[in-house]
Amino acid sequence: MQELTTLEVFNEVINGEKTTIVKFYTTWCPDCTRMNMFIEPIIKEHADKDWYQLNKDNIEDVAMKYDVMGIPSLLVFKNGEKIGHLHSANAKTPEEVREFLSQF
């Protein structure tokens, strides 16, 4: 997953026509570490989507704008619009993540 490090790059990737998933995380988050242990096969299953990650501590304005209150969170964008949000409370298992992504 490519790291998004600036607001400008974030805005560029979410404004595409292709479905884009951004994983919000932090380095100190145990649930983020847990998600990292199971996310790779899910990314491969959804290779038709663009995947990125964003450290919430580095670009806090983006997290606030899109109501990222817990981490990890997966946000789905298309044409610049947020069309899905999997909050951390519902992103603890591969099954929960797969069920959420089946909508897109």
N, C-alpha and C. Protein backbone atom coordinates (compact mmCIF):
# COMPACT_ATOMS: atom_id res chain seq x y z
N MET A 1 0.85 -1.17 0.00
CA MET A 1 0.00 0.00 0.00
C MET A 1 0.89 1.24 0.00
N GLN A 2 0.59 2.13 -0.89
CA GLN A 2 1.37 3.37 -0.97
C GLN A 2 0.96 4.33 0.15
N GLU A 3 1.94 4.98 0.74
CA GLU A 3 1.71 5.93 1.83
C GLU A 3 1.36 7.31 1.26
N LEU A 4 0.30 7.90 1.79
CA LEU A 4 -0.07 9.27 1.43
C LEU A 4 0.51 10.20 2.49
N THR A 5 1.33 11.16 2.07
CA THR A 5 2.03 11.98 3.04
C THR A 5 1.66 13.46 2.98
N THR A 6 0.89 13.86 1.96
CA THR A 6 0.49 15.26 1.88
C THR A 6 -0.99 15.35 1.53
N LEU A 7 -1.58 16.46 1.90
CA LEU A 7 -2.99 16.72 1.58
C LEU A 7 -3.19 16.77 0.07
N GLU A 8 -2.24 17.34 -0.63
CA GLU A 8 -2.35 17.47 -2.08
C GLU A 8 -2.41 16.10 -2.76
N VAL A 9 -1.55 15.19 -2.35
CA VAL A 9 -1.54 13.85 -2.94
C VAL A 9 -2.82 13.11 -2.56
N PHE A 10 -3.25 13.25 -1.31
CA PHE A 10 -4.50 12.62 -0.88
C PHE A 10 -5.65 13.06 -1.78
N ASN A 11 -5.79 14.37 -1.97
CA ASN A 11 -6.87 14.89 -2.81
C ASN A 11 -6.77 14.39 -4.24
N GLU A 12 -5.57 14.27 -4.74
CA GLU A 12 -5.38 13.78 -6.11
C GLU A 12 -5.85 12.33 -6.25
N VAL A 13 -5.49 11.47 -5.30
CA VAL A 13 -5.84 10.05 -5.46
C VAL A 13 -7.33 9.78 -5.24
N ILE A 14 -7.98 10.57 -4.37
CA ILE A 14 -9.41 10.29 -4.13
C ILE A 14 -10.30 10.83 -5.23
N ASN A 15 -9.78 11.70 -6.07
CA ASN A 15 -10.61 12.31 -7.11
C ASN A 15 -10.66 11.53 -8.40
N GLY A 16 -10.07 10.35 -8.44
CA GLY A 16 -10.11 9.55 -9.65
C GLY A 16 -11.43 8.81 -9.82
N GLU A 17 -11.64 8.30 -11.02
CA GLU A 17 -12.87 7.55 -11.30
C GLU A 17 -12.82 6.15 -10.70
N LYS A 18 -11.62 5.64 -10.47
CA LYS A 18 -11.46 4.30 -9.91
C LYS A 18 -11.77 4.33 -8.41
N THR A 19 -12.37 3.28 -7.92
CA THR A 19 -12.65 3.17 -6.49
C THR A 19 -11.32 3.13 -5.75
N THR A 20 -11.20 3.98 -4.74
CA THR A 20 -9.96 4.11 -3.98
C THR A 20 -10.24 3.86 -2.51
N ILE A 21 -9.41 3.04 -1.89
CA ILE A 21 -9.54 2.74 -0.47
C ILE A 21 -8.34 3.33 0.25
N VAL A 22 -8.62 4.09 1.31
CA VAL A 22 -7.56 4.67 2.12
C VAL A 22 -7.69 4.12 3.53
N LYS A 23 -6.62 3.47 3.98
CA LYS A 23 -6.57 2.96 5.36
C LYS A 23 -5.95 4.04 6.23
N PHE A 24 -6.70 4.51 7.22
CA PHE A 24 -6.19 5.45 8.20
C PHE A 24 -5.65 4.65 9.38
N TYR A 25 -4.45 5.00 9.82
CA TYR A 25 -3.78 4.25 10.89
C TYR A 25 -2.87 5.21 11.67
N THR A 26 -2.25 4.68 12.72
CA THR A 26 -1.13 5.34 13.38
C THR A 26 -0.11 4.27 13.74
N THR A 27 1.08 4.69 14.05
CA THR A 27 2.14 3.73 14.38
C THR A 27 1.97 3.14 15.78
N TRP A 28 1.23 3.80 16.64
CA TRP A 28 1.08 3.35 18.03
C TRP A 28 -0.19 2.52 18.27
N CYS A 29 -0.92 2.23 17.24
CA CYS A 29 -2.24 1.59 17.34
C CYS A 29 -2.13 0.05 17.25
N PRO A 30 -2.48 -0.68 18.32
CA PRO A 30 -2.42 -2.14 18.27
C PRO A 30 -3.41 -2.76 17.27
N ASP A 31 -4.59 -2.15 17.12
CA ASP A 31 -5.54 -2.69 16.15
C ASP A 31 -5.05 -2.49 14.72
N CYS A 32 -4.28 -1.43 14.48
CA CYS A 32 -3.69 -1.23 13.16
C CYS A 32 -2.68 -2.33 12.85
N THR A 33 -1.88 -2.68 13.83
CA THR A 33 -0.91 -3.77 13.67
C THR A 33 -1.64 -5.07 13.38
N ARG A 34 -2.73 -5.31 14.07
CA ARG A 34 -3.53 -6.53 13.85
C ARG A 34 -4.08 -6.56 12.42
N MET A 35 -4.61 -5.41 11.96
CA MET A 35 -5.14 -5.36 10.60
C MET A 35 -4.04 -5.64 9.58
N ASN A 36 -2.85 -5.10 9.82
CA ASN A 36 -1.74 -5.33 8.90
C ASN A 36 -1.43 -6.82 8.74
N MET A 37 -1.73 -7.61 9.75
CA MET A 37 -1.45 -9.04 9.70
C MET A 37 -2.39 -9.79 8.76
N PHE A 38 -3.57 -9.21 8.45
CA PHE A 38 -4.51 -9.93 7.58
C PHE A 38 -4.93 -9.17 6.32
N ILE A 39 -4.46 -7.96 6.12
CA ILE A 39 -4.99 -7.13 5.03
C ILE A 39 -4.45 -7.51 3.65
N GLU A 40 -3.24 -8.03 3.54
CA GLU A 40 -2.64 -8.29 2.22
C GLU A 40 -3.49 -9.19 1.33
N PRO A 41 -3.99 -10.34 1.80
CA PRO A 41 -4.84 -11.15 0.93
C PRO A 41 -6.12 -10.43 0.51
N ILE A 42 -6.65 -9.58 1.36
CA ILE A 42 -7.86 -8.83 1.03
C ILE A 42 -7.55 -7.80 -0.05
N ILE A 43 -6.39 -7.17 0.03
CA ILE A 43 -5.98 -6.23 -1.02
C ILE A 43 -5.89 -6.96 -2.36
N LYS A 44 -5.34 -8.16 -2.36
CA LYS A 44 -5.23 -8.95 -3.60
C LYS A 44 -6.61 -9.33 -4.13
N GLU A 45 -7.54 -9.63 -3.24
CA GLU A 45 -8.90 -9.97 -3.66
C GLU A 45 -9.61 -8.75 -4.28
N HIS A 46 -9.19 -7.58 -3.91
CA HIS A 46 -9.79 -6.34 -4.40
C HIS A 46 -8.76 -5.53 -5.19
N ALA A 47 -8.06 -6.21 -6.05
CA ALA A 47 -7.01 -5.58 -6.85
C ALA A 47 -7.57 -4.60 -7.88
N ASP A 48 -8.88 -4.63 -8.09
CA ASP A 48 -9.50 -3.69 -9.02
C ASP A 48 -9.62 -2.29 -8.41
N LYS A 49 -9.27 -2.16 -7.13
CA LYS A 49 -9.34 -0.88 -6.44
C LYS A 49 -7.92 -0.39 -6.16
N ASP A 50 -7.76 0.93 -6.05
CA ASP A 50 -6.49 1.50 -5.64
C ASP A 50 -6.46 1.57 -4.12
N TRP A 51 -5.35 1.14 -3.54
CA TRP A 51 -5.20 1.09 -2.08
C TRP A 51 -4.09 2.03 -1.64
N TYR A 52 -4.37 2.80 -0.58
CA TYR A 52 -3.40 3.71 0.01
C TYR A 52 -3.55 3.66 1.53
N GLN A 53 -2.53 4.15 2.21
CA GLN A 53 -2.64 4.31 3.65
C GLN A 53 -2.19 5.70 4.05
N LEU A 54 -2.75 6.18 5.16
CA LEU A 54 -2.47 7.53 5.63
C LEU A 54 -2.33 7.49 7.14
N ASN A 55 -1.20 7.97 7.63
CA ASN A 55 -0.98 8.05 9.07
C ASN A 55 -1.77 9.25 9.59
N LYS A 56 -2.79 8.96 10.35
CA LYS A 56 -3.70 9.99 10.85
C LYS A 56 -2.97 11.08 11.63
N ASP A 57 -1.90 10.74 12.30
CA ASP A 57 -1.14 11.72 13.08
C ASP A 57 -0.39 12.71 12.19
N ASN A 58 -0.11 12.33 10.96
CA ASN A 58 0.66 13.19 10.06
C ASN A 58 -0.20 14.20 9.30
N ILE A 59 -1.46 13.84 9.03
CA ILE A 59 -2.36 14.74 8.29
C ILE A 59 -3.71 14.74 9.02
N GLU A 60 -3.73 15.35 10.19
CA GLU A 60 -4.91 15.31 11.05
C GLU A 60 -6.13 15.98 10.43
N ASP A 61 -5.91 16.99 9.60
CA ASP A 61 -7.05 17.70 8.99
C ASP A 61 -7.90 16.77 8.14
N VAL A 62 -7.28 15.84 7.44
CA VAL A 62 -8.01 14.90 6.60
C VAL A 62 -8.87 13.99 7.47
N ALA A 63 -8.30 13.49 8.54
CA ALA A 63 -9.06 12.62 9.44
C ALA A 63 -10.26 13.36 10.02
N MET A 64 -10.08 14.60 10.41
CA MET A 64 -11.19 15.37 10.96
C MET A 64 -12.26 15.63 9.90
N LYS A 65 -11.85 15.98 8.70
CA LYS A 65 -12.80 16.28 7.63
C LYS A 65 -13.69 15.09 7.31
N TYR A 66 -13.12 13.89 7.35
CA TYR A 66 -13.87 12.69 6.97
C TYR A 66 -14.34 11.86 8.16
N ASP A 67 -14.37 12.47 9.34
CA ASP A 67 -14.92 11.85 10.55
C ASP A 67 -14.24 10.54 10.93
N VAL A 68 -12.92 10.51 10.82
CA VAL A 68 -12.17 9.34 11.25
C VAL A 68 -11.91 9.51 12.74
N MET A 69 -12.76 8.87 13.54
CA MET A 69 -12.66 9.00 14.99
C MET A 69 -11.90 7.84 15.62
N GLY A 70 -11.82 6.73 14.92
CA GLY A 70 -11.12 5.55 15.42
C GLY A 70 -10.23 4.98 14.34
N ILE A 71 -9.20 4.29 14.78
CA ILE A 71 -8.27 3.69 13.82
C ILE A 71 -8.06 2.23 14.19
N PRO A 72 -7.82 1.38 13.22
CA PRO A 72 -7.79 1.69 11.80
C PRO A 72 -9.20 1.91 11.26
N SER A 73 -9.29 2.71 10.25
CA SER A 73 -10.53 2.91 9.51
C SER A 73 -10.23 2.80 8.03
N LEU A 74 -11.15 2.20 7.30
CA LEU A 74 -11.05 2.14 5.85
C LEU A 74 -12.09 3.05 5.26
N LEU A 75 -11.66 3.99 4.44
CA LEU A 75 -12.58 4.89 3.75
C LEU A 75 -12.52 4.59 2.26
N VAL A 76 -13.68 4.58 1.63
CA VAL A 76 -13.78 4.29 0.21
C VAL A 76 -14.21 5.56 -0.50
N PHE A 77 -13.48 5.90 -1.56
CA PHE A 77 -13.75 7.12 -2.33
C PHE A 77 -13.93 6.78 -3.80
N LYS A 78 -14.74 7.59 -4.45
CA LYS A 78 -14.89 7.53 -5.90
C LYS A 78 -15.26 8.92 -6.38
N ASN A 79 -14.54 9.41 -7.37
CA ASN A 79 -14.79 10.75 -7.90
C ASN A 79 -14.78 11.82 -6.81
N GLY A 80 -13.90 11.66 -5.83
CA GLY A 80 -13.77 12.66 -4.77
C GLY A 80 -14.79 12.58 -3.66
N GLU A 81 -15.71 11.64 -3.75
CA GLU A 81 -16.78 11.51 -2.76
C GLU A 81 -16.52 10.29 -1.88
N LYS A 82 -16.69 10.44 -0.57
CA LYS A 82 -16.59 9.30 0.34
C LYS A 82 -17.87 8.48 0.19
N ILE A 83 -17.72 7.23 -0.24
CA ILE A 83 -18.89 6.38 -0.46
C ILE A 83 -18.97 5.23 0.55
N GLY A 84 -17.97 5.13 1.41
CA GLY A 84 -18.00 4.09 2.43
C GLY A 84 -17.01 4.38 3.53
N HIS A 85 -17.33 3.91 4.75
CA HIS A 85 -16.46 4.13 5.90
C HIS A 85 -16.61 2.95 6.84
N LEU A 86 -15.53 2.20 6.99
CA LEU A 86 -15.50 1.10 7.95
C LEU A 86 -14.75 1.58 9.17
N HIS A 87 -15.48 1.82 10.25
CA HIS A 87 -14.91 2.33 11.50
C HIS A 87 -14.14 1.22 12.21
N SER A 88 -13.18 1.62 12.99
CA SER A 88 -12.30 0.68 13.69
C SER A 88 -13.04 -0.38 14.49
N ALA A 89 -14.16 -0.03 15.09
CA ALA A 89 -14.91 -0.99 15.91
C ALA A 89 -15.41 -2.17 15.08
N ASN A 90 -15.57 -1.97 13.77
CA ASN A 90 -16.09 -3.02 12.89
C ASN A 90 -15.02 -3.54 11.93
N ALA A 91 -13.75 -3.27 12.22
CA ALA A 91 -12.66 -3.66 11.32
C ALA A 91 -11.64 -4.54 12.03
N LYS A 92 -12.09 -5.37 12.93
CA LYS A 92 -11.17 -6.16 13.75
C LYS A 92 -10.84 -7.53 13.16
N THR A 93 -11.64 -7.99 12.20
CA THR A 93 -11.39 -9.32 11.64
C THR A 93 -11.40 -9.25 10.12
N PRO A 94 -10.75 -10.23 9.47
CA PRO A 94 -10.80 -10.27 8.00
C PRO A 94 -12.23 -10.39 7.49
N GLU A 95 -13.07 -11.12 8.21
CA GLU A 95 -14.46 -11.30 7.78
C GLU A 95 -15.21 -9.98 7.78
N GLU A 96 -15.01 -9.15 8.79
CA GLU A 96 -15.68 -7.85 8.84
C GLU A 96 -15.22 -6.96 7.68
N VAL A 97 -13.93 -6.98 7.40
CA VAL A 97 -13.41 -6.15 6.31
C VAL A 97 -13.94 -6.65 4.96
N ARG A 98 -13.92 -7.96 4.77
CA ARG A 98 -14.43 -8.53 3.50
C ARG A 98 -15.91 -8.21 3.31
N GLU A 99 -16.69 -8.33 4.37
CA GLU A 99 -18.13 -8.04 4.28
C GLU A 99 -18.35 -6.57 3.88
N PHE A 100 -17.61 -5.67 4.49
CA PHE A 100 -17.72 -4.26 4.17
C PHE A 100 -17.35 -4.01 2.71
N LEU A 101 -16.24 -4.58 2.25
CA LEU A 101 -15.76 -4.32 0.88
C LEU A 101 -16.63 -4.97 -0.18
N SER A 102 -17.44 -5.95 0.20
CA SER A 102 -18.30 -6.61 -0.79
C SER A 102 -19.34 -5.66 -1.39
N GLN A 103 -19.54 -4.51 -0.78
CA GLN A 103 -20.50 -3.51 -1.27
C GLN A 103 -19.96 -2.72 -2.45
N PHE A 104 -18.65 -2.79 -2.69
CA PHE A 104 -18.04 -1.89 -3.67
C PHE A 104 -17.46 -2.65 -4.82
